[in-house]
Protein backbone atom coordinates (compact mmCIF):
# COMPACT_ATOMS: atom_id res chain seq x y z
CA MET A 1 -50.81 3.57 52.58
CA THR A 2 -47.98 5.46 54.38
CA ILE A 3 -45.39 7.54 52.80
CA LEU A 4 -42.53 6.01 54.67
CA HIS A 5 -42.16 3.65 57.66
CA PRO A 6 -40.08 5.87 60.19
CA ASN A 7 -38.55 4.45 63.24
CA SER A 8 -40.47 7.15 65.23
CA THR A 9 -44.09 8.72 64.72
CA LEU A 10 -42.74 12.02 65.92
CA ARG A 11 -39.43 12.08 63.87
CA PHE A 12 -41.86 11.07 60.55
CA ILE A 13 -43.60 14.10 61.40
CA LEU A 14 -41.30 16.59 62.09
CA ARG A 15 -39.22 15.51 58.98
CA TRP A 16 -41.99 16.08 56.73
CA LEU A 17 -43.23 19.35 58.59
CA ILE A 18 -39.73 20.80 57.79
CA ILE A 19 -40.03 19.41 53.94
CA LEU A 20 -43.27 20.58 53.68
CA ALA A 21 -42.43 24.32 55.03
CA SER A 22 -39.39 24.31 53.00
CA VAL A 23 -41.04 23.97 49.95
CA SER A 24 -43.97 26.18 50.39
CA PHE A 25 -41.24 28.78 51.30
CA VAL A 26 -39.23 28.42 48.44
CA VAL A 27 -41.94 27.61 45.84
CA GLY A 28 -44.03 30.64 47.30
CA LEU A 29 -41.51 33.41 46.64
CA ALA A 30 -40.17 31.94 43.53
CA GLY A 31 -43.93 32.18 41.99
CA ALA A 32 -44.20 35.73 43.60
CA ALA A 33 -40.98 36.63 41.91
CA PHE A 34 -42.18 34.99 38.65
CA LEU A 35 -45.54 36.85 38.95
CA ARG A 36 -43.67 40.13 39.45
CA SER A 37 -41.13 39.78 36.47
CA LEU A 38 -44.33 38.47 34.13
CA THR A 39 -46.18 41.67 35.03
CA TRP A 40 -43.30 44.05 34.44
CA VAL A 41 -42.68 41.99 31.05
CA SER A 42 -46.20 42.21 30.05
CA ALA A 43 -46.34 45.92 30.76
CA THR A 44 -43.29 46.67 29.12
CA PHE A 45 -44.54 44.70 25.63
CA ALA A 46 -47.85 46.73 26.28
CA THR A 47 -46.18 50.16 25.95
CA HIS A 48 -43.59 48.78 22.91
CA HIS A 49 -45.62 46.87 20.51
CA TRP A 50 -42.38 47.13 18.30
CA LEU A 51 -41.25 44.21 20.41
CA ILE A 52 -43.02 41.35 18.56
CA PHE A 53 -40.93 42.04 15.68
CA LEU A 54 -37.90 40.66 18.15
CA LEU A 55 -40.37 37.60 18.98
CA PRO A 56 -38.38 35.29 16.08
CA ILE A 57 -34.92 35.89 17.98
CA PHE A 58 -36.52 35.63 21.61
CA GLY A 59 -37.59 31.90 20.46
CA LEU A 60 -34.12 31.35 18.93
CA LEU A 61 -32.68 32.16 22.17
CA SER A 62 -34.93 29.88 23.97
CA VAL A 63 -34.23 27.07 22.04
CA TRP A 64 -30.65 28.08 22.29
CA ALA A 65 -30.39 28.22 25.76
CA TYR A 66 -31.88 24.86 26.09
CA ASP A 67 -29.76 23.04 23.53
CA THR A 68 -26.82 24.62 25.42
CA PHE A 69 -27.04 24.84 28.74
CA ALA A 70 -30.02 22.36 29.86
CA HIS A 71 -30.84 20.17 27.28
CA SER A 72 -31.89 17.38 30.04
CA SER A 73 -34.64 20.19 31.20
CA ALA A 74 -36.25 20.72 27.85
CA GLY A 75 -39.26 18.25 28.42
CA GLY A 76 -42.45 19.86 29.28
CA VAL A 77 -45.46 19.25 31.37
CA LYS A 78 -45.92 15.56 30.06
CA THR A 79 -42.38 14.88 31.08
CA LEU A 80 -42.95 15.96 34.46
CA ILE A 81 -45.91 13.65 34.71
CA ASN A 82 -44.02 10.73 33.68
CA GLN A 83 -41.39 11.66 36.15
CA ILE A 84 -43.97 12.02 38.96
CA LYS A 85 -45.34 8.70 37.98
CA HIS A 86 -42.03 6.88 38.15
CA PRO A 87 -39.67 8.81 39.68
CA THR A 88 -36.27 8.19 38.87
CA ALA A 89 -33.15 11.18 38.59
CA ILE A 90 -34.00 14.02 40.68
CA LEU A 91 -35.07 16.95 38.31
CA PRO A 92 -32.14 19.29 37.03
CA ALA A 93 -31.42 22.45 39.14
CA ALA A 94 -32.00 24.40 35.90
CA LYS A 95 -35.47 23.26 35.19
CA GLY A 96 -36.73 25.94 37.08
CA PRO A 97 -34.95 28.90 35.81
CA MET A 98 -34.85 27.71 32.38
CA ILE A 99 -38.62 27.79 32.14
CA LEU A 100 -39.17 31.06 33.83
CA GLY A 101 -36.32 32.53 31.86
CA THR A 102 -37.96 31.58 28.66
CA THR A 103 -41.60 32.11 29.31
CA LEU A 104 -40.59 35.51 29.96
CA LEU A 105 -38.75 35.98 26.70
CA SER A 106 -42.40 34.53 25.03
CA HIS A 107 -44.10 37.06 27.06
CA LEU A 108 -41.59 40.23 26.13
CA GLY A 109 -42.12 39.47 22.53
CA GLY A 110 -46.30 39.20 23.03
CA ALA A 111 -46.67 35.61 22.16
CA SER A 112 -50.14 34.07 23.32
CA VAL A 113 -48.88 31.91 25.58
CA GLY A 114 -49.82 30.99 29.62
CA ARG A 115 -47.79 30.31 33.03
CA GLU A 116 -49.31 27.11 34.18
CA GLY A 117 -46.37 25.25 32.48
CA THR A 118 -44.07 27.48 34.03
CA ALA A 119 -45.81 27.38 37.44
CA LEU A 120 -45.90 23.46 37.51
CA GLN A 121 -42.31 22.91 36.22
CA LEU A 122 -40.82 25.66 38.63
CA GLY A 123 -42.61 24.12 41.70
CA ALA A 124 -41.92 20.65 40.85
CA SER A 125 -38.08 21.38 40.02
CA LEU A 126 -37.41 23.68 43.27
CA ALA A 127 -39.21 20.61 45.35
CA ASP A 128 -37.18 17.77 43.94
CA GLN A 129 -33.89 19.70 44.82
CA PHE A 130 -34.87 18.71 48.58
CA SER A 131 -34.51 15.00 47.35
CA ARG A 132 -30.66 15.64 47.64
CA ILE A 133 -30.95 16.69 51.16
CA PHE A 134 -33.16 13.90 52.49
CA SER A 135 -33.16 10.50 51.67
CA LEU A 136 -36.45 9.66 50.36
CA THR A 137 -37.98 6.67 48.84
CA GLU A 138 -39.93 6.55 45.48
CA LYS A 139 -43.42 7.04 47.21
CA GLU A 140 -41.97 9.85 49.23
CA ARG A 141 -40.35 11.44 46.15
CA GLN A 142 -43.61 11.36 44.34
CA THR A 143 -45.08 12.99 46.92
CA LEU A 144 -42.55 15.67 47.09
CA LEU A 145 -43.03 16.34 43.21
CA LEU A 146 -46.60 16.46 43.68
CA CYS A 147 -46.24 18.88 46.53
CA GLY A 148 -44.13 21.35 44.04
CA VAL A 149 -46.67 21.07 41.75
CA SER A 150 -49.32 22.36 43.97
CA ALA A 151 -47.40 24.97 45.31
CA GLY A 152 -46.50 26.34 41.90
CA PHE A 153 -50.07 26.30 40.74
CA SER A 154 -51.20 27.93 43.65
CA ALA A 155 -48.49 30.25 44.13
CA VAL A 156 -49.08 31.78 40.68
CA PHE A 157 -53.06 31.27 40.15
CA GLY A 158 -53.99 32.17 44.23
CA THR A 159 -56.09 28.75 44.14
CA PRO A 160 -54.75 26.84 46.86
CA LEU A 161 -57.73 24.01 46.86
CA ALA A 162 -57.99 23.68 43.30
CA ALA A 163 -54.18 23.62 42.97
CA ALA A 164 -54.29 20.39 45.62
CA ILE A 165 -56.81 19.04 43.55
CA PHE A 166 -55.18 19.54 40.12
CA ALA A 167 -51.94 18.18 41.46
CA SER A 168 -53.64 14.71 42.07
CA GLU A 169 -56.27 14.98 39.01
CA PHE A 170 -53.78 15.70 36.04
CA VAL A 171 -51.65 12.65 37.31
CA LYS A 172 -54.40 10.37 38.03
CA LEU A 173 -53.47 9.49 41.41
CA ARG A 174 -55.90 9.22 44.43
CA SER A 175 -53.67 9.03 47.59
CA HIS A 176 -55.20 10.65 50.66
CA LEU A 177 -52.05 11.52 52.36
CA GLN A 178 -50.54 12.83 49.37
CA ILE A 179 -53.61 15.19 48.89
CA SER A 180 -53.38 16.13 52.12
CA ALA A 181 -49.60 16.95 51.79
CA CYS A 182 -50.38 19.06 48.54
CA LEU A 183 -53.25 21.02 50.28
CA CYS A 184 -50.54 21.93 53.17
CA THR A 185 -48.22 23.08 50.54
CA ALA A 186 -50.70 25.04 48.43
CA TYR A 187 -52.33 27.18 51.05
CA ALA A 188 -48.83 27.70 52.76
CA ALA A 189 -47.37 28.61 49.48
CA ASP A 190 -50.32 31.00 48.63
CA TYR A 191 -49.98 32.83 51.91
CA ILE A 192 -46.15 33.00 51.32
CA GLY A 193 -46.43 34.31 48.01
CA ARG A 194 -49.23 36.91 48.84
CA ASN A 195 -47.82 38.02 52.06
CA LEU A 196 -43.94 37.89 51.68
CA GLY A 197 -43.56 38.03 48.04
CA GLY A 198 -46.30 40.66 47.46
CA SER A 199 -48.17 38.60 45.13
CA VAL A 200 -51.35 40.37 43.59
CA HIS A 201 -54.06 38.00 41.84
CA ALA A 202 -56.79 38.94 39.72
CA ASP A 203 -60.29 39.63 41.81
CA TYR A 204 -62.82 38.09 39.71
CA SER A 205 -65.15 37.87 42.76
CA VAL A 206 -65.75 41.65 42.02
CA PHE A 207 -68.15 40.62 39.08
CA PHE A 208 -70.12 38.45 41.40
CA PRO A 209 -71.26 40.75 44.28
CA PHE A 210 -74.59 38.66 45.11
CA PRO A 211 -74.92 34.99 45.26
CA VAL A 212 -75.45 33.04 41.98
CA GLY A 213 -79.57 31.84 42.03
CA LEU A 214 -79.61 28.21 41.68
CA SER A 215 -82.31 26.33 39.94
CA PHE A 216 -83.08 23.27 37.80
CA GLY A 217 -83.33 25.29 34.85
CA GLY A 218 -80.29 27.22 35.53
CA ALA A 219 -78.51 23.71 36.03
CA LEU A 220 -79.71 22.74 32.48
CA TRP A 221 -78.26 25.97 30.91
CA ALA A 222 -75.13 25.31 33.03
CA ALA A 223 -75.19 22.04 31.13
CA ALA A 224 -75.44 23.55 27.82
CA ILE A 225 -72.64 25.91 28.55
CA GLY A 226 -70.66 22.84 29.45
CA LEU A 227 -71.67 21.05 26.13
CA ALA A 228 -70.14 24.09 24.24
CA CYS A 229 -66.91 24.42 26.33
CA GLY A 230 -66.72 20.58 25.56
CA LEU A 231 -67.03 20.98 21.81
CA VAL A 232 -64.30 24.00 21.93
CA ALA A 233 -62.07 22.08 24.02
CA ARG A 234 -62.46 19.02 21.49
CA THR A 235 -61.70 21.23 18.66
CA TYR A 236 -58.44 22.53 20.57
CA LEU A 237 -57.30 19.36 21.27
CA TRP A 238 -57.80 17.92 17.70
CA SER A 239 -56.29 20.84 16.38
CA PHE A 240 -53.33 20.73 18.82
CA ARG A 241 -52.63 17.46 18.03
CA LYS A 242 -52.70 17.58 14.08
CA GLN A 243 -50.61 20.91 14.21
CA ALA A 244 -48.01 18.64 16.31
CA GLU A 245 -47.68 16.08 13.83
CA ALA A 246 -47.28 18.85 11.12
CA VAL A 247 -44.88 20.73 13.27
CA ARG A 248 -42.83 17.39 13.89
CA ARG A 249 -42.13 17.29 9.89
CA ILE A 250 -40.06 20.69 10.46
CA HIS A 251 -36.84 18.65 12.37
CA SER A 252 -35.05 21.79 13.28
CA PRO A 253 -36.64 23.41 16.26
CA TYR A 254 -34.80 26.83 15.62
CA LEU A 255 -36.50 26.96 12.10
CA ARG A 256 -39.96 25.86 13.59
CA ILE A 257 -40.16 28.57 16.30
CA VAL A 258 -39.06 31.08 13.70
CA LEU A 259 -41.70 30.10 11.61
CA GLY A 260 -44.17 30.06 14.39
CA ALA A 261 -43.01 33.58 15.18
CA LEU A 262 -43.01 34.94 12.03
CA LEU A 263 -46.75 33.73 11.44
CA PHE A 264 -47.89 35.16 14.59
CA ILE A 265 -46.63 38.69 13.53
CA LEU A 266 -47.96 38.37 9.92
CA ILE A 267 -51.43 38.00 11.65
CA ILE A 268 -51.25 40.58 14.42
CA ALA A 269 -48.90 43.42 13.07
CA PRO A 270 -51.12 44.07 10.10
CA THR A 271 -54.20 44.19 11.97
CA ASP A 272 -53.13 45.86 14.95
CA SER A 273 -54.75 43.18 17.30
CA TYR A 274 -52.49 43.23 20.18
CA GLU A 275 -55.01 42.84 22.62
CA PHE A 276 -54.96 39.28 21.69
CA THR A 277 -51.16 38.78 22.49
CA GLY A 278 -49.65 37.44 25.69
CA LEU A 279 -52.12 36.14 28.69
CA GLY A 280 -55.22 38.26 27.60
CA LEU A 281 -55.87 39.30 31.20
CA SER A 282 -57.58 42.47 30.01
CA GLY A 283 -59.59 40.42 27.45
CA ILE A 284 -60.67 38.09 30.70
CA ASP A 285 -61.98 40.84 32.36
CA ALA A 286 -63.63 42.59 29.24
CA ALA A 287 -65.66 39.38 28.80
CA PHE A 288 -67.07 39.93 32.34
CA GLU A 289 -68.46 43.26 31.32
CA GLN A 290 -69.47 42.91 27.50
CA ASN A 291 -70.50 40.44 25.10
CA LEU A 292 -67.21 39.86 22.75
CA GLY A 293 -68.86 38.12 19.85
CA HIS A 294 -67.89 34.72 18.69
CA GLY A 295 -64.75 35.83 16.61
CA VAL A 296 -63.05 36.93 19.79
CA TRP A 297 -62.46 33.27 21.14
CA ILE A 298 -62.08 32.03 17.87
CA PHE A 299 -58.99 34.32 17.02
CA LYS A 300 -57.40 33.85 20.48
CA MET A 301 -57.63 30.00 20.03
CA ILE A 302 -56.00 30.14 16.73
CA LEU A 303 -52.87 32.19 17.87
CA THR A 304 -52.46 30.32 21.13
CA LEU A 305 -52.25 27.16 19.09
CA ILE A 306 -49.57 28.80 16.85
CA CYS A 307 -47.55 29.85 19.66
CA VAL A 308 -47.78 26.85 21.98
CA GLY A 309 -47.67 24.44 18.69
CA PHE A 310 -44.33 26.00 17.47
CA GLY A 311 -42.73 25.79 20.54
CA PHE A 312 -43.07 29.09 22.80
CA ARG A 313 -42.89 28.58 26.53
CA GLY A 314 -45.16 29.03 29.33
CA GLY A 315 -48.19 26.96 28.56
CA GLU A 316 -51.84 27.75 27.70
CA VAL A 317 -54.23 27.74 30.47
CA THR A 318 -54.74 31.70 30.95
CA PRO A 319 -55.46 31.98 26.97
CA LEU A 320 -57.86 29.12 27.49
CA PHE A 321 -59.29 31.14 30.47
CA PHE A 322 -59.97 34.22 27.86
CA ILE A 323 -61.15 31.60 25.22
CA GLY A 324 -63.73 30.09 27.58
CA ALA A 325 -64.88 33.74 29.26
CA ALA A 326 -65.23 34.90 25.69
CA LEU A 327 -67.04 31.74 24.67
CA GLY A 328 -69.48 32.02 27.65
CA THR A 329 -70.58 35.48 27.25
CA ALA A 330 -70.78 35.22 23.59
CA LEU A 331 -73.62 32.56 24.24
CA ALA A 332 -75.39 34.39 27.17
CA PRO A 333 -78.14 35.85 25.19
CA LEU A 334 -79.16 32.30 24.10
CA THR A 335 -79.52 31.23 27.44
CA GLY A 336 -81.49 31.92 30.57
CA LEU A 337 -78.39 32.90 32.90
CA ALA A 338 -77.01 36.22 33.54
CA PRO A 339 -73.90 36.88 31.23
CA VAL A 340 -71.44 37.31 33.94
CA VAL A 341 -72.35 33.44 35.07
CA CYS A 342 -71.99 32.30 31.55
CA ALA A 343 -68.40 34.01 31.24
CA GLY A 344 -67.58 32.22 34.40
CA LEU A 345 -68.63 28.89 33.24
CA GLY A 346 -66.76 29.49 30.11
CA PHE A 347 -63.36 30.43 32.08
CA VAL A 348 -63.35 27.14 34.03
CA GLY A 349 -65.16 24.94 31.35
CA VAL A 350 -62.82 24.82 28.23
CA PHE A 351 -59.96 24.35 30.63
CA ALA A 352 -61.53 21.51 32.45
CA GLY A 353 -62.44 19.75 29.16
CA VAL A 354 -58.81 20.43 27.37
CA GLY A 355 -56.90 19.65 30.79
CA ALA A 356 -59.17 16.93 31.81
CA VAL A 357 -59.41 18.24 34.99
CA PRO A 358 -63.37 19.15 35.89
CA LEU A 359 -62.86 18.83 39.70
CA ALA A 360 -60.13 21.08 40.10
CA CYS A 361 -61.84 23.63 37.52
CA SER A 362 -64.80 23.43 39.48
CA ILE A 363 -63.18 24.07 42.84
CA MET A 364 -61.55 27.36 40.97
CA ALA A 365 -65.12 28.77 40.31
CA TYR A 366 -65.61 28.34 44.01
CA GLU A 367 -62.64 30.04 44.91
CA LEU A 368 -62.20 32.81 42.11
CA PHE A 369 -65.86 33.68 41.63
CA HIS A 370 -68.55 33.24 44.45
CA PRO A 371 -69.08 30.13 46.56
CA SER A 372 -72.35 29.86 44.89
CA MET A 373 -70.90 29.30 41.34
CA GLY A 374 -69.43 25.83 42.20
CA VAL A 375 -72.67 23.80 41.61
CA TYR A 376 -73.27 25.20 38.29
CA ALA A 377 -69.41 24.89 37.61
CA LEU A 378 -69.53 21.24 38.37
CA VAL A 379 -72.42 20.57 36.12
CA ALA A 380 -70.49 22.47 33.14
CA CYS A 381 -67.09 21.24 33.91
CA PHE A 382 -67.96 17.51 33.95
CA ILE A 383 -69.78 17.78 31.22
CA SER A 384 -67.33 19.91 29.13
CA TRP A 385 -64.76 16.66 30.20
CA VAL A 386 -67.07 14.05 28.93
CA ILE A 387 -67.46 15.89 25.56
CA ALA A 388 -63.84 16.52 24.98
CA GLY A 389 -63.04 13.00 25.34
CA ARG A 390 -61.87 12.55 29.01
CA ARG A 391 -58.07 12.44 27.25
CA GLY A 392 -56.93 15.62 27.92
CA LEU A 393 -53.73 18.02 26.96
CA TYR A 394 -51.33 16.17 29.54
CA GLU A 395 -52.34 12.68 28.53
CA PRO A 396 -49.31 10.91 26.74
CA GLU A 397 -49.74 10.32 23.03
CA GLY A 398 -50.50 7.03 21.58
């Protein structure tokens, strides 16, 4: 299979080198700008917790902005997947800025949402604008969109290899040429984001100063962690879908997001539980250092379901990392594995089940923690994926 049939092999190579370099440069810098903005917004909320009471207003602004300026851009990651599988009209230029702006509004109010939805939509929409410059076939546009997804994921999470695999895994495509193109853009976007955009990513490798000792018994414990992650992922997916059915009965998106914000405020403010707001990066670090108990991951899961389910933008992957890491460290005393290993397996295991992306999550453990974690992660992630039902959050309903 080839991406296109050019008159000249040299022309074909040069053309795609220009496209991939352009996508990597633009998305890498955009991802870095998003991360810097998100860091500032999160720090602002951390020092001004009263902003949580403005969350209903931020939610209304988000809905109004899409309704008024970018109604055609309102579709989320599932809409993006459909566009990748069957490319039709070019993604609106407003899609990237809109998802970026509304995600920042969500975090300014402390909503328990993530950033992967923003990364994927921002990367794909920016990449697709090059379709206006180059005359592309349907297969080429599909490749371009996948490259944008890879670049966006890599620029935001700093895991280029996992980003390339994620791009193909979550849309269930297996073209070697497309995966190769995704690898190029993922690594280039990560490099540009770090070196030109000043991106700084969390360094979890500090918790793994030595290689993880591998053994058959350890693999069995990794399987047990994977089983627990799969059950939690299955619970999250079931809860999300049931909640979605209930929330859809509230026909007005304005009323829907206000109710979600008020419910979130009523849970957080009286209990002063601000450590559970936002991405939860400090909670992830804490999970690698101590046993947080079962109540922590359950509480974070409830808050994330509320915020995502009622319409706040951003996604849920980083909160799922929090949930998984807290789950893993809570289970550590029952296993024969080191607590930090259990936290790492939970970190990737829950998202492997929720997103139905076990291979990408296994590679993420390799990149984020230590290469020696890859084997145990592979066991945990694939078992989690099977237990969760192999039908992830990004699968079309029905």
